[in-house]
Each structure stands twice: as structure tokens, then as C-alpha cells.
C-alpha atoms as a PDB file:
ATOM      1  CA  MET A   1     -40.873  -7.081 -12.483  1.00  0.00           C
ATOM      2  CA  PHE A   2     -39.374  -5.332  -9.558  1.00  0.00           C
ATOM      3  CA  LYS A   3     -36.818  -2.454 -10.038  1.00  0.00           C
ATOM      4  CA  LYS A   4     -33.928  -1.944  -8.141  1.00  0.00           C
ATOM      5  CA  LYS A   5     -33.563   1.638  -6.343  1.00  0.00           C
ATOM      6  CA  PRO A   6     -30.776   3.346  -7.198  1.00  0.00           C
ATOM      7  CA  PRO A   7     -27.809   3.511  -4.439  1.00  0.00           C
ATOM      8  CA  VAL A   8     -28.134   6.942  -2.488  1.00  0.00           C
ATOM      9  CA  HIS A   9     -23.941   6.800  -1.856  1.00  0.00           C
ATOM     10  CA  LYS A  10     -22.251   7.037  -4.759  1.00  0.00           C
ATOM     11  CA  VAL A  11     -18.121   7.235  -4.122  1.00  0.00           C
ATOM     12  CA  ARG A  12     -16.107   8.700  -6.722  1.00  0.00           C
ATOM     13  CA  ILE A  13     -12.289   9.541  -7.072  1.00  0.00           C
ATOM     14  CA  ASP A  14     -10.881  11.682  -9.096  1.00  0.00           C
ATOM     15  CA  ILE A  15      -7.222  11.176 -10.151  1.00  0.00           C
ATOM     16  CA  ASP A  16      -5.549  13.680 -12.502  1.00  0.00           C
ATOM     17  CA  PHE A  17      -2.459  13.055 -14.547  1.00  0.00           C
ATOM     18  CA  GLN A  18       0.667  14.674 -13.863  1.00  0.00           C
ATOM     19  CA  PRO A  19       3.535  14.272 -16.558  1.00  0.00           C
ATOM     20  CA  LYS A  20       6.125  16.239 -14.249  1.00  0.00           C
ATOM     21  CA  ILE A  21       6.974  14.687 -10.983  1.00  0.00           C
ATOM     22  CA  SER A  22       8.983  16.645  -8.060  1.00  0.00           C
ATOM     23  CA  ARG A  23      12.943  16.026  -7.678  1.00  0.00           C
ATOM     24  CA  TRP A  24      12.396  14.518  -4.280  1.00  0.00           C
ATOM     25  CA  PHE A  25      10.161  11.516  -5.852  1.00  0.00           C
ATOM     26  CA  ILE A  26      12.160   8.711  -5.115  1.00  0.00           C
ATOM     27  CA  PHE A  27      12.036   9.607  -1.299  1.00  0.00           C
ATOM     28  CA  ARG A  28       8.584   9.688  -0.630  1.00  0.00           C
ATOM     29  CA  PHE A  29       8.255   6.003   0.258  1.00  0.00           C
ATOM     30  CA  LEU A  30       9.258   7.362   3.542  1.00  0.00           C
ATOM     31  CA  TRP A  31       6.206   9.134   4.141  1.00  0.00           C
ATOM     32  CA  ILE A  32       4.938   5.482   5.034  1.00  0.00           C
ATOM     33  CA  VAL A  33       6.764   5.374   8.349  1.00  0.00           C
ATOM     34  CA  PRO A  34       4.451   7.713   9.998  1.00  0.00           C
ATOM     35  CA  VAL A  35       1.656   6.853   8.194  1.00  0.00           C
ATOM     36  CA  VAL A  36       1.528   3.261   9.472  1.00  0.00           C
ATOM     37  CA  VAL A  37       1.136   3.952  13.195  1.00  0.00           C
ATOM     38  CA  PRO A  38      -2.144   6.383  12.559  1.00  0.00           C
ATOM     39  CA  LEU A  39      -3.641   3.930   9.736  1.00  0.00           C
ATOM     40  CA  ALA A  40      -3.075   1.060  12.073  1.00  0.00           C
ATOM     41  CA  ILE A  41      -5.192   2.679  14.805  1.00  0.00           C
ATOM     42  CA  TYR A  42      -7.652   3.972  12.329  1.00  0.00           C
ATOM     43  CA  ALA A  43      -8.336   0.603  11.077  1.00  0.00           C
ATOM     44  CA  ALA A  44      -8.640  -0.956  14.079  1.00  0.00           C
ATOM     45  CA  TRP A  45     -11.807   1.959  14.825  1.00  0.00           C
ATOM     46  CA  PHE A  46     -12.829   0.937  11.173  1.00  0.00           C
ATOM     47  CA  GLY A  47     -13.029  -2.614  12.506  1.00  0.00           C
ATOM     48  CA  LEU A  48     -15.455  -1.437  15.660  1.00  0.00           C
ATOM     49  CA  LEU A  49     -17.763   0.440  13.246  1.00  0.00           C
ATOM     50  CA  SER A  50     -18.193  -2.871  11.138  1.00  0.00           C
ATOM     51  CA  PHE A  51     -19.001  -4.924  14.238  1.00  0.00           C
ATOM     52  CA  VAL A  52     -21.292  -2.139  15.462  1.00  0.00           C
ATOM     53  CA  HIS A  53     -22.813  -1.210  12.925  1.00  0.00           C
ATOM     54  CA  PHE A  54     -23.717  -5.329  11.889  1.00  0.00           C
ATOM     55  CA  PHE A  55     -25.301  -5.579  15.214  1.00  0.00           C
ATOM     56  CA  TYR A  56     -27.197  -2.353  14.361  1.00  0.00           C
ATOM     57  CA  MET A  57     -28.779  -3.525  11.431  1.00  0.00           C
ATOM     58  CA  LEU A  58     -29.259  -7.097  12.992  1.00  0.00           C
ATOM     59  CA  LEU A  59     -31.335  -5.689  15.693  1.00  0.00           C
ATOM     60  CA  LEU A  60     -33.357  -2.757  14.090  1.00  0.00           C
ATOM     61  CA  GLY A  61     -33.230  -3.786  10.252  1.00  0.00           C
ATOM     62  CA  GLU A  62     -31.684  -0.440   9.138  1.00  0.00           C
ATOM     63  CA  ARG A  63     -28.412   0.830   8.360  1.00  0.00           C
ATOM     64  CA  SER A  64     -26.701   3.931  10.277  1.00  0.00           C
ATOM     65  CA  GLU A  65     -26.123   6.693   8.010  1.00  0.00           C
ATOM     66  CA  SER A  66     -23.605   8.401  10.569  1.00  0.00           C
ATOM     67  CA  ILE A  67     -21.531   4.495  11.095  1.00  0.00           C
ATOM     68  CA  PHE A  68     -21.975   4.428   6.902  1.00  0.00           C
ATOM     69  CA  GLY A  69     -20.484   8.062   6.834  1.00  0.00           C
ATOM     70  CA  LYS A  70     -17.238   6.926   8.874  1.00  0.00           C
ATOM     71  CA  GLN A  71     -17.026   4.311   7.503  1.00  0.00           C
ATOM     72  CA  LEU A  72     -17.237   5.898   3.634  1.00  0.00           C
ATOM     73  CA  ALA A  73     -14.566   8.814   5.195  1.00  0.00           C
ATOM     74  CA  PHE A  74     -11.782   5.734   5.914  1.00  0.00           C
ATOM     75  CA  LEU A  75     -11.866   4.361   2.917  1.00  0.00           C
ATOM     76  CA  THR A  76     -11.766   7.058   1.017  1.00  0.00           C
ATOM     77  CA  PHE A  77      -8.608   8.450   3.055  1.00  0.00           C
ATOM     78  CA  GLY A  78      -6.725   4.925   2.516  1.00  0.00           C
ATOM     79  CA  PHE A  79      -7.365   5.597  -1.736  1.00  0.00           C
ATOM     80  CA  ARG A  80      -6.298   8.849  -1.517  1.00  0.00           C
ATOM     81  CA  TRP A  81      -2.883   7.418   0.438  1.00  0.00           C
ATOM     82  CA  GLN A  82      -2.398   4.581  -1.601  1.00  0.00           C
ATOM     83  CA  ALA A  83      -2.877   6.771  -5.066  1.00  0.00           C
ATOM     84  CA  TYR A  84      -0.285   8.979  -3.434  1.00  0.00           C
ATOM     85  CA  LEU A  85       2.060   6.152  -2.188  1.00  0.00           C
ATOM     86  CA  LYS A  86       2.089   4.190  -5.200  1.00  0.00           C
ATOM     87  CA  TYR A  87       2.963   7.194  -7.255  1.00  0.00           C
ATOM     88  CA  TYR A  88      -0.584   7.732  -9.140  1.00  0.00           C
ATOM     89  CA  THR A  89      -0.324  11.880  -7.700  1.00  0.00           C
ATOM     90  CA  ASN A  90       1.751  14.195  -6.367  1.00  0.00           C
ATOM     91  CA  GLU A  91      -0.104  15.359  -4.177  1.00  0.00           C
ATOM     92  CA  ARG A  92      -0.084  14.391  -0.727  1.00  0.00           C
ATOM     93  CA  PRO A  93      -3.412  13.814   1.106  1.00  0.00           C
ATOM     94  CA  ALA A  94      -4.192  15.353   4.761  1.00  0.00           C
ATOM     95  CA  ILE A  95      -2.604  13.403   7.578  1.00  0.00           C
ATOM     96  CA  LEU A  96      -5.897  13.012   9.327  1.00  0.00           C
ATOM     97  CA  PRO A  97      -8.808  11.880   7.347  1.00  0.00           C
ATOM     98  CA  TRP A  98     -11.109  14.410   9.065  1.00  0.00           C
ATOM     99  CA  ASN A  99      -9.261  17.192   7.072  1.00  0.00           C
ATOM    100  CA  ALA A 100      -9.560  15.336   3.664  1.00  0.00           C
END
């Protein structure tokens, strides 16, 4: 009876398999230390954006594309770092999410 509308935003992350690894591969976990503090600050910002976006939708009845874009950038940033730190890829992502 009613047709669903296709989603406007599609998220796709491609990670290529890399059979060769760097000899410094075992020290990759050291990147966790300088990444944790900025990521924690950015996660707090993401939480604040989610809170604001909830009330934006509640009061206006529509979604904000700019807030959604910022939240999507944060999630993509996190997925790229997770892929790197879990040894799925050798390519280190940008430190700051807005450079990704």
C-alpha cells in the first residue's frame, strides 16, 4: 500500500585487504594513547550534538542535515581508527576528523 522512501544518506566504508604489513606493526597500539584524549573530547561533543538534535526534531518536527553531517563525520572517523587499530588496514587515518 505505502512504499518506503529510500534513505537519502548512504554510508559506505571500503577497506582494502593488505597482505603485506609494516615491520613496526607490533607497535601500532602506541597510537591509542594520543588518540584517546581528543577522541573523548570529540565524543562529548557528539553527545551534545545528539542531545541538541533530539530537541531540534522534537520542536520542529524535522531533522537538521548539518547536525546529521557532523554526527556522520564523527562515526566515520571512529570507524576508520577502529579499522586501523584492530589491524584491518595499514593506512593510518587523519588525526583530526575534519581532515578525513
